[in-house]
Every structure is written in structure tokens, then in C-alpha cells.
Amino acid sequence: FGWDQKYTLVYNHIIEYFKLTIPENYESLSVTEIYPSAPILPSNLLKLYIRFSKPINTAFVYDHIRFINLAGDTLSRTILPLENPLISDDRRLLTIWIEPGRQKRGLGPNKELGAVFNKETYRLIVTKDIKDINGVSMQEDFIHSFCIGNTDRIKPTINDWKIGIPKINSISKLLIQCSESLDYGSVQGNIHIVDKSMQEIKGTWQLLEQETILSFQPREAWKKGDYQILCNPEIEDLAGNNLSRLFDTEIKKTSNQETTNQQYSLEFSIN
């Protein structure tokens, strides 16, 4: 049974209706974070991530999420309605795909409707009707405003990243200044640090400063030696361009130079 849900009990030809009252100290569902968090996003933005304070019920979840322009109009055909919404294992992080068919040039939806966003200000609305796994709704709508800028049709490159090297024998964070905001989801589990013997350095990664800084907190103190930062080619920018290819590559255009099995790495030393 879920809180605040109406139920019907039928017993011995008697029908009763009842509802479980929400406890006074019940912690209501809320949106805690939106990725990307930058105020200006590319017009060919591909994905958004919504983090909730507690696990959510994904049934009809797309009915509770929409984009509104400055005129107050709700945009149509903006979200890819997956049969099984992309939700994290803890059911708190929801991935929203901006309609790829409209964001990629040359496809039917793009030719017919154009890209989803123009250069203006929009609001992402998560309505209060969205529910947690106990069936309890949020107390109010969540509203997030952002502006749309230029398109991004350039692959991210780790050669532009700047490494802030921590001190030896410290547990200081290693900070990597990226050249642009990275896609939150594509970074998760796709970047690692190894020592000279290729043993992984255990620790925790975070994306900071509007997803432009990669922060690594080691579990143990840094030792003297040479290290590598290994990056999976699937790491993307906000427009879905990854380290090895452009998302918006023309359908008929192929390149032998673009490959997904290429190794991407950066080296640094601690002395």
C-alpha cells in the first residue's frame, strides 16, 4: 500500500473506501540537482539529468516533465519517451534524452520540426504530480531556468585539460580543469587513475563548477611516482559529442580516423 492513495475494500458484499494518511513527519519528494547546471547550454543539448531526494515511481514519468518558452508555451516533441525510463539503481537519478531525431541534422524529425531549442530562455518544469515510490507527490512544482546559446559541433579533447597535481604524502584532491562542461552521466565510471604498474588508484570522482572540473579524492595518500588518467572514449560533452566522434556526423559521411577503441590518457608525476 502507498501513502495518500485511495483504496476500495470489498468483503461479504460490503464496499468500503479508505486512504492511508501521510505521517506528519513524512519527508516529501523534491528535486535536488539538475545536470547540466550551467546557465547557458548548447542548442543541440542531448541529455538532462534530474536528481531527486528519494526514489521515484517512474510510471508515466514523462507526463510530469516539460519545457516552457518565454511566451509560456509548452514545447512539443522535446523528450524521447522511452518505454523503460533510464533511472539509476537507487531510483533517484533520472536521465532525460532531448529528442535525438530533432537534435541531429539530416534526420526526418529535424527536417520536419527543426531543433528543439532556439536561442532564448526556457524553463524546465517537473510538476508536483510526480510521485515517490510510496505514491506521495511533491509539494510544489520544480522550476529550472536556462538559456540556449550556440550549437556545439566540436569534439571534446583531453589535450586541453589542465591537471592540478596534489602534493606527495597528502590525500589532497586531484583537480582536472576541463575545457568545457561534460555530460554528467557519461563521466560516471568512465575515468580512472592508474600507477606505473597499471594498478587503479581507489577514490571518488566528482564533477564540479558546472561540470567543468573533475575532482578525484583518493582513499589513501599520494605516493611518489608516475600516473595515468585513463578516459573512456564515450565521455561526452553536452551535445553528445564524445572523445572519438561527433554526435552530429552526417549520416552518409564516414571516417576511418574516428574509432571507438582508441585509448585516451593523460600522464602526471608526483615527486
C-alpha atoms as a PDB file:
ATOM      1  CA  PHE A   1       0.000   0.000   0.000  1.00  0.00           C
ATOM      2  CA  GLY A   2       1.097   3.577  -0.662  1.00  0.00           C
ATOM      3  CA  TRP A   3       0.516   6.697   1.366  1.00  0.00           C
ATOM      4  CA  ASP A   4      -2.276   9.067   0.314  1.00  0.00           C
ATOM      5  CA  GLN A   5      -3.692   6.515  -2.144  1.00  0.00           C
ATOM      6  CA  LYS A   6      -7.388   5.688  -2.367  1.00  0.00           C
ATOM      7  CA  TYR A   7      -8.318   2.017  -1.955  1.00  0.00           C
ATOM      8  CA  THR A   8     -11.524   0.016  -2.211  1.00  0.00           C
ATOM      9  CA  LEU A   9     -12.215  -2.907   0.117  1.00  0.00           C
ATOM     10  CA  VAL A  10     -14.911  -5.403  -0.872  1.00  0.00           C
ATOM     11  CA  TYR A  11     -15.889  -8.010   1.716  1.00  0.00           C
ATOM     12  CA  ASN A  12     -19.102 -10.026   2.085  1.00  0.00           C
ATOM     13  CA  HIS A  13     -20.980  -7.736  -0.319  1.00  0.00           C
ATOM     14  CA  ILE A  14     -19.868  -4.677   1.654  1.00  0.00           C
ATOM     15  CA  ILE A  15     -17.824  -1.969  -0.066  1.00  0.00           C
ATOM     16  CA  GLU A  16     -15.582   0.308   1.970  1.00  0.00           C
ATOM     17  CA  TYR A  17     -13.242   3.071   0.810  1.00  0.00           C
ATOM     18  CA  PHE A  18     -10.140   4.091   2.699  1.00  0.00           C
ATOM     19  CA  LYS A  19      -6.893   6.001   2.371  1.00  0.00           C
ATOM     20  CA  LEU A  20      -3.621   5.798   4.288  1.00  0.00           C
ATOM     21  CA  THR A  21      -2.905   9.227   5.730  1.00  0.00           C
ATOM     22  CA  ILE A  22       0.597  10.581   5.190  1.00  0.00           C
ATOM     23  CA  PRO A  23       2.510  10.791   8.503  1.00  0.00           C
ATOM     24  CA  GLU A  24       3.129  14.335   9.738  1.00  0.00           C
ATOM     25  CA  ASN A  25       6.896  13.830   9.711  1.00  0.00           C
ATOM     26  CA  TYR A  26       6.955  12.365   6.184  1.00  0.00           C
ATOM     27  CA  GLU A  27       9.824  13.791   4.106  1.00  0.00           C
ATOM     28  CA  SER A  28       8.345  14.925   0.812  1.00  0.00           C
ATOM     29  CA  LEU A  29       9.962  14.228  -2.535  1.00  0.00           C
ATOM     30  CA  SER A  30      11.961  17.081  -4.088  1.00  0.00           C
ATOM     31  CA  VAL A  31      14.407  17.767  -6.910  1.00  0.00           C
ATOM     32  CA  THR A  32      17.896  18.306  -5.512  1.00  0.00           C
ATOM     33  CA  GLU A  33      20.063  18.736  -8.612  1.00  0.00           C
ATOM     34  CA  ILE A  34      19.875  19.286 -12.352  1.00  0.00           C
ATOM     35  CA  TYR A  35      22.677  18.426 -14.762  1.00  0.00           C
ATOM     36  CA  PRO A  36      23.945  20.229 -16.716  1.00  0.00           C
ATOM     37  CA  SER A  37      23.939  23.060 -14.192  1.00  0.00           C
ATOM     38  CA  ALA A  38      25.465  25.760 -16.416  1.00  0.00           C
ATOM     39  CA  PRO A  39      23.176  28.752 -17.087  1.00  0.00           C
ATOM     40  CA  ILE A  40      23.871  28.691 -20.842  1.00  0.00           C
ATOM     41  CA  LEU A  41      23.567  25.416 -22.754  1.00  0.00           C
ATOM     42  CA  PRO A  42      24.211  24.478 -26.401  1.00  0.00           C
ATOM     43  CA  SER A  43      21.219  24.497 -28.727  1.00  0.00           C
ATOM     44  CA  ASN A  44      21.947  20.868 -29.615  1.00  0.00           C
ATOM     45  CA  LEU A  45      21.830  19.749 -25.977  1.00  0.00           C
ATOM     46  CA  LEU A  46      21.285  15.988 -25.892  1.00  0.00           C
ATOM     47  CA  LYS A  47      20.653  14.929 -22.296  1.00  0.00           C
ATOM     48  CA  LEU A  48      19.487  16.221 -18.943  1.00  0.00           C
ATOM     49  CA  TYR A  49      19.716  14.537 -15.568  1.00  0.00           C
ATOM     50  CA  ILE A  50      17.303  15.124 -12.704  1.00  0.00           C
ATOM     51  CA  ARG A  51      18.322  14.024  -9.218  1.00  0.00           C
ATOM     52  CA  PHE A  52      15.591  13.513  -6.640  1.00  0.00           C
ATOM     53  CA  SER A  53      15.818  13.463  -2.871  1.00  0.00           C
ATOM     54  CA  LYS A  54      14.422   9.928  -2.701  1.00  0.00           C
ATOM     55  CA  PRO A  55      13.476   7.051  -5.034  1.00  0.00           C
ATOM     56  CA  ILE A  56      10.727   7.870  -7.532  1.00  0.00           C
ATOM     57  CA  ASN A  57       7.941   5.999  -9.259  1.00  0.00           C
ATOM     58  CA  THR A  58       8.760   6.104 -12.991  1.00  0.00           C
ATOM     59  CA  ALA A  59       5.242   5.228 -14.179  1.00  0.00           C
ATOM     60  CA  PHE A  60       4.110   7.976 -16.585  1.00  0.00           C
ATOM     61  CA  VAL A  61       7.163   9.984 -15.529  1.00  0.00           C
ATOM     62  CA  TYR A  62       7.371  11.863 -18.849  1.00  0.00           C
ATOM     63  CA  ASP A  63       3.876  13.260 -18.273  1.00  0.00           C
ATOM     64  CA  HIS A  64       5.304  15.275 -15.399  1.00  0.00           C
ATOM     65  CA  ILE A  65       8.271  16.863 -17.208  1.00  0.00           C
ATOM     66  CA  ARG A  66       8.072  19.611 -19.801  1.00  0.00           C
ATOM     67  CA  PHE A  67       9.844  22.629 -21.262  1.00  0.00           C
ATOM     68  CA  ILE A  68       8.263  26.087 -21.486  1.00  0.00           C
ATOM     69  CA  ASN A  69       9.488  29.051 -23.551  1.00  0.00           C
ATOM     70  CA  LEU A  70       9.405  32.750 -22.668  1.00  0.00           C
ATOM     71  CA  ALA A  71       5.892  33.098 -24.054  1.00  0.00           C
ATOM     72  CA  GLY A  72       4.691  30.424 -21.644  1.00  0.00           C
ATOM     73  CA  ASP A  73       4.105  27.860 -24.376  1.00  0.00           C
ATOM     74  CA  THR A  74       4.876  24.207 -23.703  1.00  0.00           C
ATOM     75  CA  LEU A  75       7.283  22.810 -26.286  1.00  0.00           C
ATOM     76  CA  SER A  76       6.162  19.680 -28.119  1.00  0.00           C
ATOM     77  CA  ARG A  77       8.242  16.661 -29.155  1.00  0.00           C
ATOM     78  CA  THR A  78      11.094  17.595 -26.816  1.00  0.00           C
ATOM     79  CA  ILE A  79      11.685  14.424 -24.794  1.00  0.00           C
ATOM     80  CA  LEU A  80      12.328  10.908 -26.065  1.00  0.00           C
ATOM     81  CA  PRO A  81       9.642   8.850 -24.245  1.00  0.00           C
ATOM     82  CA  LEU A  82      11.423   5.583 -23.534  1.00  0.00           C
ATOM     83  CA  GLU A  83       9.276   2.591 -22.640  1.00  0.00           C
ATOM     84  CA  ASN A  84      11.598   1.960 -19.705  1.00  0.00           C
ATOM     85  CA  PRO A  85      12.841   5.314 -18.358  1.00  0.00           C
ATOM     86  CA  LEU A  86      16.561   5.499 -17.621  1.00  0.00           C
ATOM     87  CA  ILE A  87      16.708   5.565 -13.840  1.00  0.00           C
ATOM     88  CA  SER A  88      19.706   4.854 -11.604  1.00  0.00           C
ATOM     89  CA  ASP A  89      19.833   1.768  -9.412  1.00  0.00           C
ATOM     90  CA  ASP A  90      18.780   3.814  -6.386  1.00  0.00           C
ATOM     91  CA  ARG A  91      15.911   5.284  -8.468  1.00  0.00           C
ATOM     92  CA  ARG A  92      16.969   8.846  -7.690  1.00  0.00           C
ATOM     93  CA  LEU A  93      18.735   9.962 -10.877  1.00  0.00           C
ATOM     94  CA  LEU A  94      16.580  10.181 -13.997  1.00  0.00           C
ATOM     95  CA  THR A  95      18.137  10.590 -17.450  1.00  0.00           C
ATOM     96  CA  ILE A  96      16.141  12.651 -19.940  1.00  0.00           C
ATOM     97  CA  TRP A  97      17.002  12.403 -23.644  1.00  0.00           C
ATOM     98  CA  ILE A  98      16.227  15.513 -25.642  1.00  0.00           C
ATOM     99  CA  GLU A  99      14.611  14.160 -28.844  1.00  0.00           C
ATOM    100  CA  PRO A 100      17.716  12.939 -30.774  1.00  0.00           C
ATOM    101  CA  GLY A 101      15.854  12.893 -34.068  1.00  0.00           C
ATOM    102  CA  ARG A 102      15.380  16.640 -33.790  1.00  0.00           C
ATOM    103  CA  GLN A 103      18.835  17.426 -32.435  1.00  0.00           C
ATOM    104  CA  LYS A 104      20.714  15.538 -35.171  1.00  0.00           C
ATOM    105  CA  ARG A 105      20.775  17.151 -38.593  1.00  0.00           C
ATOM    106  CA  GLY A 106      19.601  15.146 -41.572  1.00  0.00           C
ATOM    107  CA  LEU A 107      17.020  13.052 -39.744  1.00  0.00           C
ATOM    108  CA  GLY A 108      13.298  13.252 -40.501  1.00  0.00           C
ATOM    109  CA  PRO A 109      12.162  14.950 -37.270  1.00  0.00           C
ATOM    110  CA  ASN A 110      14.899  17.574 -37.624  1.00  0.00           C
ATOM    111  CA  LYS A 111      13.924  18.320 -41.214  1.00  0.00           C
ATOM    112  CA  GLU A 112      10.240  18.486 -40.320  1.00  0.00           C
ATOM    113  CA  LEU A 113      10.309  20.279 -36.960  1.00  0.00           C
ATOM    114  CA  GLY A 114      13.804  21.690 -36.618  1.00  0.00           C
ATOM    115  CA  ALA A 115      15.937  21.545 -33.487  1.00  0.00           C
ATOM    116  CA  VAL A 116      14.186  21.552 -30.120  1.00  0.00           C
ATOM    117  CA  PHE A 117      15.670  24.808 -28.818  1.00  0.00           C
ATOM    118  CA  ASN A 118      16.273  28.289 -30.209  1.00  0.00           C
ATOM    119  CA  LYS A 119      18.468  30.998 -28.721  1.00  0.00           C
ATOM    120  CA  GLU A 120      16.253  32.100 -25.854  1.00  0.00           C
ATOM    121  CA  THR A 121      15.423  31.350 -22.234  1.00  0.00           C
ATOM    122  CA  TYR A 122      13.494  28.230 -21.263  1.00  0.00           C
ATOM    123  CA  ARG A 123      12.126  26.681 -18.113  1.00  0.00           C
ATOM    124  CA  LEU A 124      12.269  23.011 -17.239  1.00  0.00           C
ATOM    125  CA  ILE A 125       9.191  22.111 -15.209  1.00  0.00           C
ATOM    126  CA  VAL A 126       8.937  18.994 -13.063  1.00  0.00           C
ATOM    127  CA  THR A 127       5.330  19.058 -11.906  1.00  0.00           C
ATOM    128  CA  LYS A 128       4.353  18.286  -8.348  1.00  0.00           C
ATOM    129  CA  ASP A 129       2.317  15.315  -9.604  1.00  0.00           C
ATOM    130  CA  ILE A 130       5.455  13.197  -9.912  1.00  0.00           C
ATOM    131  CA  LYS A 131       5.488  10.604  -7.121  1.00  0.00           C
ATOM    132  CA  ASP A 132       7.976   8.802  -4.942  1.00  0.00           C
ATOM    133  CA  ILE A 133       7.911   5.018  -4.648  1.00  0.00           C
ATOM    134  CA  ASN A 134       5.349   5.299  -1.850  1.00  0.00           C
ATOM    135  CA  GLY A 135       2.962   7.130  -4.153  1.00  0.00           C
ATOM    136  CA  VAL A 136       3.379  10.534  -2.490  1.00  0.00           C
ATOM    137  CA  SER A 137       3.683  13.598  -4.742  1.00  0.00           C
ATOM    138  CA  MET A 138       5.994  16.582  -4.413  1.00  0.00           C
ATOM    139  CA  GLN A 139       4.595  19.571  -2.534  1.00  0.00           C
ATOM    140  CA  GLU A 140       5.161  22.012  -5.408  1.00  0.00           C
ATOM    141  CA  ASP A 141       6.387  22.208  -8.982  1.00  0.00           C
ATOM    142  CA  PHE A 142      10.142  22.388  -9.532  1.00  0.00           C
ATOM    143  CA  ILE A 143      11.260  25.072 -11.999  1.00  0.00           C
ATOM    144  CA  HIS A 144      14.736  25.390 -13.503  1.00  0.00           C
ATOM    145  CA  SER A 145      15.584  28.211 -15.931  1.00  0.00           C
ATOM    146  CA  PHE A 146      18.361  28.121 -18.516  1.00  0.00           C
ATOM    147  CA  CYS A 147      19.429  29.954 -21.656  1.00  0.00           C
ATOM    148  CA  ILE A 148      20.316  28.465 -25.018  1.00  0.00           C
ATOM    149  CA  GLY A 149      23.472  29.572 -26.802  1.00  0.00           C
ATOM    150  CA  ASN A 150      25.374  28.366 -29.853  1.00  0.00           C
ATOM    151  CA  THR A 151      25.466  24.833 -31.208  1.00  0.00           C
ATOM    152  CA  ASP A 152      28.420  22.638 -30.253  1.00  0.00           C
ATOM    153  CA  ARG A 153      29.822  20.582 -33.095  1.00  0.00           C
ATOM    154  CA  ILE A 154      33.370  20.151 -31.826  1.00  0.00           C
ATOM    155  CA  LYS A 155      34.612  17.004 -30.115  1.00  0.00           C
ATOM    156  CA  PRO A 156      35.919  17.409 -26.571  1.00  0.00           C
ATOM    157  CA  THR A 157      39.660  16.836 -26.281  1.00  0.00           C
ATOM    158  CA  ILE A 158      41.560  15.850 -23.178  1.00  0.00           C
ATOM    159  CA  ASN A 159      44.661  17.586 -24.546  1.00  0.00           C
ATOM    160  CA  ASP A 160      43.055  20.839 -23.411  1.00  0.00           C
ATOM    161  CA  TRP A 161      42.563  19.614 -19.850  1.00  0.00           C
ATOM    162  CA  LYS A 162      44.786  21.048 -17.111  1.00  0.00           C
ATOM    163  CA  ILE A 163      45.788  18.881 -14.165  1.00  0.00           C
ATOM    164  CA  GLY A 164      46.263  20.289 -10.672  1.00  0.00           C
ATOM    165  CA  ILE A 165      48.798  17.858  -9.216  1.00  0.00           C
ATOM    166  CA  PRO A 166      48.426  17.097  -5.487  1.00  0.00           C
ATOM    167  CA  LYS A 167      51.338  17.013  -3.047  1.00  0.00           C
ATOM    168  CA  ILE A 168      53.144  13.823  -2.170  1.00  0.00           C
ATOM    169  CA  ASN A 169      52.016  12.027   1.022  1.00  0.00           C
ATOM    170  CA  SER A 170      48.792  14.036   1.075  1.00  0.00           C
ATOM    171  CA  ILE A 171      45.208  12.996   0.487  1.00  0.00           C
ATOM    172  CA  SER A 172      44.529  16.199  -1.405  1.00  0.00           C
ATOM    173  CA  LYS A 173      42.132  16.098  -4.313  1.00  0.00           C
ATOM    174  CA  LEU A 174      43.436  15.904  -7.855  1.00  0.00           C
ATOM    175  CA  LEU A 175      41.617  18.536  -9.908  1.00  0.00           C
ATOM    176  CA  ILE A 176      41.277  18.493 -13.687  1.00  0.00           C
ATOM    177  CA  GLN A 177      40.143  21.698 -15.357  1.00  0.00           C
ATOM    178  CA  CYS A 178      38.252  20.653 -18.484  1.00  0.00           C
ATOM    179  CA  SER A 179      37.854  22.909 -21.495  1.00  0.00           C
ATOM    180  CA  GLU A 180      34.038  22.735 -21.361  1.00  0.00           C
ATOM    181  CA  SER A 181      31.155  21.259 -19.396  1.00  0.00           C
ATOM    182  CA  LEU A 182      30.994  17.474 -19.600  1.00  0.00           C
ATOM    183  CA  ASP A 183      27.923  15.270 -19.749  1.00  0.00           C
ATOM    184  CA  TYR A 184      27.290  14.106 -16.193  1.00  0.00           C
ATOM    185  CA  GLY A 185      26.169  10.574 -16.990  1.00  0.00           C
ATOM    186  CA  SER A 186      28.915   9.737 -19.474  1.00  0.00           C
ATOM    187  CA  VAL A 187      31.641  10.526 -16.944  1.00  0.00           C
ATOM    188  CA  GLN A 188      30.356   8.097 -14.318  1.00  0.00           C
ATOM    189  CA  GLY A 189      32.640   5.057 -14.213  1.00  0.00           C
ATOM    190  CA  ASN A 190      34.494   6.109 -17.365  1.00  0.00           C
ATOM    191  CA  ILE A 191      37.584   7.760 -15.925  1.00  0.00           C
ATOM    192  CA  HIS A 192      40.279   6.090 -13.817  1.00  0.00           C
ATOM    193  CA  ILE A 193      43.748   6.767 -12.436  1.00  0.00           C
ATOM    194  CA  VAL A 194      46.419   4.056 -12.508  1.00  0.00           C
ATOM    195  CA  ASP A 195      50.001   3.951 -11.282  1.00  0.00           C
ATOM    196  CA  LYS A 196      53.081   2.823 -13.193  1.00  0.00           C
ATOM    197  CA  SER A 197      52.166  -0.851 -12.679  1.00  0.00           C
ATOM    198  CA  MET A 198      48.630  -0.154 -14.004  1.00  0.00           C
ATOM    199  CA  GLN A 199      47.080  -0.640 -10.568  1.00  0.00           C
ATOM    200  CA  GLU A 200      43.998   1.533 -10.149  1.00  0.00           C
ATOM    201  CA  ILE A 201      44.095   4.233  -7.510  1.00  0.00           C
ATOM    202  CA  LYS A 202      40.919   3.912  -5.475  1.00  0.00           C
ATOM    203  CA  GLY A 203      38.918   7.006  -4.735  1.00  0.00           C
ATOM    204  CA  THR A 204      35.858   9.080  -5.531  1.00  0.00           C
ATOM    205  CA  TRP A 205      35.202  11.213  -8.604  1.00  0.00           C
ATOM    206  CA  GLN A 206      33.016  14.317  -8.682  1.00  0.00           C
ATOM    207  CA  LEU A 207      32.046  16.862 -11.326  1.00  0.00           C
ATOM    208  CA  LEU A 208      32.224  20.430 -10.041  1.00  0.00           C
ATOM    209  CA  GLU A 209      31.853  24.032 -11.208  1.00  0.00           C
ATOM    210  CA  GLN A 210      29.062  23.491 -13.724  1.00  0.00           C
ATOM    211  CA  GLU A 211      30.624  20.150 -14.700  1.00  0.00           C
ATOM    212  CA  THR A 212      33.863  21.782 -15.911  1.00  0.00           C
ATOM    213  CA  ILE A 213      36.123  20.381 -13.185  1.00  0.00           C
ATOM    214  CA  LEU A 214      36.814  16.719 -12.485  1.00  0.00           C
ATOM    215  CA  SER A 215      37.716  16.164  -8.844  1.00  0.00           C
ATOM    216  CA  PHE A 216      39.308  12.951  -7.564  1.00  0.00           C
ATOM    217  CA  GLN A 217      39.533  12.244  -3.834  1.00  0.00           C
ATOM    218  CA  PRO A 218      41.933   9.332  -3.171  1.00  0.00           C
ATOM    219  CA  ARG A 219      41.295   6.858  -0.368  1.00  0.00           C
ATOM    220  CA  GLU A 220      44.979   6.773   0.540  1.00  0.00           C
ATOM    221  CA  ALA A 221      47.792   9.328   0.465  1.00  0.00           C
ATOM    222  CA  TRP A 222      49.510  10.018  -2.838  1.00  0.00           C
ATOM    223  CA  LYS A 223      52.851   8.291  -3.294  1.00  0.00           C
ATOM    224  CA  LYS A 224      55.802   9.386  -5.354  1.00  0.00           C
ATOM    225  CA  GLY A 225      55.580   8.057  -8.886  1.00  0.00           C
ATOM    226  CA  ASP A 226      54.157   8.278 -12.369  1.00  0.00           C
ATOM    227  CA  TYR A 227      50.429   8.074 -13.012  1.00  0.00           C
ATOM    228  CA  GLN A 228      47.998   7.910 -15.910  1.00  0.00           C
ATOM    229  CA  ILE A 229      44.457   9.211 -16.173  1.00  0.00           C
ATOM    230  CA  LEU A 230      42.556   6.789 -18.424  1.00  0.00           C
ATOM    231  CA  CYS A 231      39.477   8.127 -20.184  1.00  0.00           C
ATOM    232  CA  ASN A 232      36.836   6.041 -21.923  1.00  0.00           C
ATOM    233  CA  PRO A 233      36.133   7.370 -25.447  1.00  0.00           C
ATOM    234  CA  GLU A 234      32.427   7.501 -24.545  1.00  0.00           C
ATOM    235  CA  ILE A 235      32.898  10.568 -22.332  1.00  0.00           C
ATOM    236  CA  GLU A 236      30.732  13.275 -23.893  1.00  0.00           C
ATOM    237  CA  ASP A 237      30.155  16.992 -23.889  1.00  0.00           C
ATOM    238  CA  LEU A 238      26.661  18.431 -23.508  1.00  0.00           C
ATOM    239  CA  ALA A 239      25.843  17.929 -27.190  1.00  0.00           C
ATOM    240  CA  GLY A 240      26.635  14.209 -27.211  1.00  0.00           C
ATOM    241  CA  ASN A 241      29.997  14.613 -28.935  1.00  0.00           C
ATOM    242  CA  ASN A 242      32.378  12.128 -27.363  1.00  0.00           C
ATOM    243  CA  LEU A 243      36.164  11.878 -27.380  1.00  0.00           C
ATOM    244  CA  SER A 244      36.199   9.822 -30.582  1.00  0.00           C
ATOM    245  CA  ARG A 245      33.330  11.135 -32.709  1.00  0.00           C
ATOM    246  CA  LEU A 246      30.782  13.872 -33.271  1.00  0.00           C
ATOM    247  CA  PHE A 247      27.164  13.081 -32.454  1.00  0.00           C
ATOM    248  CA  ASP A 248      26.034  15.220 -35.375  1.00  0.00           C
ATOM    249  CA  THR A 249      28.194  13.494 -38.005  1.00  0.00           C
ATOM    250  CA  GLU A 250      26.407  13.398 -41.342  1.00  0.00           C
ATOM    251  CA  ILE A 251      24.623  10.090 -41.928  1.00  0.00           C
ATOM    252  CA  LYS A 252      26.436   9.310 -45.193  1.00  0.00           C
ATOM    253  CA  LYS A 253      29.795  10.556 -44.006  1.00  0.00           C
ATOM    254  CA  THR A 254      32.239   8.052 -42.558  1.00  0.00           C
ATOM    255  CA  SER A 255      35.813   8.436 -41.426  1.00  0.00           C
ATOM    256  CA  ASN A 256      38.463   5.828 -40.828  1.00  0.00           C
ATOM    257  CA  GLN A 257      40.089   8.224 -38.398  1.00  0.00           C
ATOM    258  CA  GLU A 258      37.176   8.075 -35.969  1.00  0.00           C
ATOM    259  CA  THR A 259      37.290   4.960 -33.840  1.00  0.00           C
ATOM    260  CA  THR A 260      35.831   3.990 -30.513  1.00  0.00           C
ATOM    261  CA  ASN A 261      38.677   1.720 -29.402  1.00  0.00           C
ATOM    262  CA  GLN A 262      41.301   4.450 -29.236  1.00  0.00           C
ATOM    263  CA  GLN A 263      42.975   4.915 -25.853  1.00  0.00           C
ATOM    264  CA  TYR A 264      42.741   8.371 -24.304  1.00  0.00           C
ATOM    265  CA  SER A 265      45.075   9.113 -21.430  1.00  0.00           C
ATOM    266  CA  LEU A 266      46.919  11.882 -19.626  1.00  0.00           C
ATOM    267  CA  GLU A 267      50.111  11.459 -17.634  1.00  0.00           C
ATOM    268  CA  PHE A 268      51.347  13.180 -14.495  1.00  0.00           C
ATOM    269  CA  SER A 269      54.017  12.630 -11.870  1.00  0.00           C
ATOM    270  CA  ILE A 270      54.178  13.238  -8.138  1.00  0.00           C
ATOM    271  CA  ASN A 271      57.638  13.966  -6.761  1.00  0.00           C
END
